[in-house]
């Protein structure tokens, strides 16, 4: 099943048999190092560039409500972002993973994104719409 938006992600996460903790990596679009003229032009038109992890956090489903709330909370950090990547981490049947248990998977997620490996994550824009990154 395709998840078209953040609200659907939360709905599906709530339906899982094991409690979930969601992992978030907020990334900003930037020009690559030494961009050529075409890359610069596409970036100025809102296309292309590279996505650089800027902020990460993990949250239980009880700590989440909607995309607008997530955006508002992220503003408090002062860190600008364009796309948020999300992954889920299942609990033990009774409890979601702790923040400490999520630390290493979250770090691996950041490392994967730095290497350009995005296939295992969902991506959403600031409106909460799923983004297909090619």
Protein backbone atom coordinates (compact mmCIF):
# COMPACT_ATOMS: atom_id res chain seq x y z
CA UNK A 1 0.00 0.00 0.00
CA UNK A 2 1.33 3.42 -0.93
CA UNK A 3 1.41 6.05 1.78
CA UNK A 4 0.43 9.31 0.14
CA UNK A 5 0.77 11.63 3.11
CA UNK A 6 1.93 12.01 6.69
CA UNK A 7 -1.56 11.47 8.12
CA UNK A 8 -1.73 8.08 6.38
CA UNK A 9 1.69 7.18 7.79
CA UNK A 10 0.49 7.91 11.33
CA UNK A 11 -2.69 5.93 10.73
CA UNK A 12 -0.75 2.91 9.46
CA UNK A 13 1.76 3.15 12.31
CA UNK A 14 -1.09 3.08 14.84
CA UNK A 15 -2.46 -0.08 13.20
CA UNK A 16 0.76 -2.07 13.60
CA UNK A 17 0.69 -4.93 16.11
CA UNK A 18 3.84 -3.70 17.89
CA UNK A 19 4.06 -0.14 19.26
CA UNK A 20 6.14 2.07 16.99
CA UNK A 21 8.73 4.81 17.39
CA UNK A 22 9.18 6.96 14.30
CA UNK A 23 12.61 8.18 13.26
CA UNK A 24 12.82 11.55 11.51
CA UNK A 25 15.71 13.05 9.57
CA UNK A 26 15.03 16.58 8.37
CA UNK A 27 17.07 17.50 5.30
CA UNK A 28 17.64 20.69 3.39
CA UNK A 29 18.21 21.03 -0.33
CA UNK A 30 21.57 22.51 -1.22
CA UNK A 31 23.69 23.01 -4.28
CA UNK A 32 26.33 20.31 -4.69
CA UNK A 33 29.97 21.26 -4.29
CA UNK A 34 31.26 23.03 -7.42
CA UNK A 35 27.93 23.10 -9.31
CA UNK A 36 27.91 23.63 -13.04
CA UNK A 37 25.66 26.19 -14.72
CA UNK A 38 22.88 23.66 -15.41
CA UNK A 39 22.86 22.42 -11.80
CA UNK A 40 22.72 25.98 -10.50
CA UNK A 41 19.85 26.87 -12.88
CA UNK A 42 17.82 23.79 -11.92
CA UNK A 43 18.40 24.47 -8.22
CA UNK A 44 17.23 28.08 -8.60
CA UNK A 45 14.04 26.69 -10.19
CA UNK A 46 13.46 24.47 -7.17
CA UNK A 47 14.77 21.27 -8.74
CA UNK A 48 17.85 19.17 -8.25
CA UNK A 49 20.54 19.78 -5.70
CA UNK A 50 21.55 17.48 -2.88
CA UNK A 51 19.67 16.72 0.31
CA UNK A 52 21.78 17.23 3.40
CA UNK A 53 20.63 15.93 6.81
CA UNK A 54 20.17 18.88 9.11
CA UNK A 55 18.28 17.60 12.16
CA UNK A 56 17.10 14.26 13.50
CA UNK A 57 14.70 13.15 16.19
CA UNK A 58 12.75 10.09 17.29
CA UNK A 59 9.21 10.14 18.64
CA UNK A 60 6.57 7.72 19.87
CA UNK A 61 3.17 7.87 18.24
CA UNK A 62 1.78 9.46 21.43
CA UNK A 63 4.13 12.41 20.82
CA UNK A 64 2.83 13.00 17.28
CA UNK A 65 -0.39 14.49 15.93
CA UNK A 66 -0.18 16.07 12.49
CA UNK A 67 2.32 17.54 10.07
CA UNK A 68 1.51 21.11 11.03
CA UNK A 69 2.49 20.37 14.64
CA UNK A 70 5.71 18.70 13.51
CA UNK A 71 6.59 21.72 11.36
CA UNK A 72 5.84 24.13 14.22
CA UNK A 73 7.99 22.09 16.62
CA UNK A 74 10.83 21.93 14.10
CA UNK A 75 10.80 25.73 13.75
CA UNK A 76 11.70 26.00 17.42
CA UNK A 77 15.10 24.46 16.62
CA UNK A 78 15.95 27.25 14.20
CA UNK A 79 17.14 24.65 11.67
CA UNK A 80 15.82 25.10 8.12
CA UNK A 81 14.68 22.00 6.21
CA UNK A 82 12.86 21.09 3.00
CA UNK A 83 12.15 17.35 3.20
CA UNK A 84 11.73 15.02 6.15
CA UNK A 85 12.63 11.34 5.85
CA UNK A 86 10.81 8.91 8.12
CA UNK A 87 11.33 5.31 9.19
CA UNK A 88 9.55 3.21 11.81
CA UNK A 89 11.09 1.14 14.57
CA UNK A 90 8.88 -1.56 16.12
CA UNK A 91 8.69 -2.24 19.83
CA UNK A 92 8.50 -5.45 21.81
CA UNK A 93 4.76 -6.09 21.57
CA UNK A 94 3.94 -4.01 24.64
CA UNK A 95 6.14 -0.92 24.53
CA UNK A 96 7.69 1.13 21.75
CA UNK A 97 11.49 1.24 21.61
CA UNK A 98 13.06 3.77 23.94
CA UNK A 99 14.83 6.82 22.63
CA UNK A 100 18.11 5.17 23.64
CA UNK A 101 17.22 2.06 21.60
CA UNK A 102 16.42 4.31 18.64
CA UNK A 103 19.73 6.17 18.79
CA UNK A 104 21.79 3.72 16.69
CA UNK A 105 19.09 3.09 14.04
CA UNK A 106 18.61 6.86 13.76
CA UNK A 107 22.36 7.34 13.29
CA UNK A 108 22.40 4.62 10.61
CA UNK A 109 19.51 6.41 8.91
CA UNK A 110 21.48 9.69 8.84
CA UNK A 111 24.52 7.85 7.46
CA UNK A 112 22.41 6.17 4.75
CA UNK A 113 20.96 9.51 3.69
CA UNK A 114 24.43 11.07 3.58
CA UNK A 115 25.42 8.29 1.17
CA UNK A 116 22.33 8.98 -0.98
CA UNK A 117 20.56 5.78 0.02
CA UNK A 118 16.93 6.87 0.40
CA UNK A 119 15.00 3.82 -0.78
CA UNK A 120 14.19 2.51 2.71
CA UNK A 121 12.58 5.71 3.92
CA UNK A 122 9.42 7.68 3.30
CA UNK A 123 9.89 11.34 2.40
CA UNK A 124 7.43 14.16 3.05
CA UNK A 125 7.37 17.86 2.24
CA UNK A 126 6.39 20.53 4.74
CA UNK A 127 2.70 20.11 3.82
CA UNK A 128 2.85 16.42 4.71
CA UNK A 129 2.59 15.14 1.15
CA UNK A 130 4.73 12.15 0.20
CA UNK A 131 7.59 13.04 -2.10
CA UNK A 132 8.98 10.69 -4.72
CA UNK A 133 12.66 11.55 -5.00
CA UNK A 134 14.28 10.39 -8.21
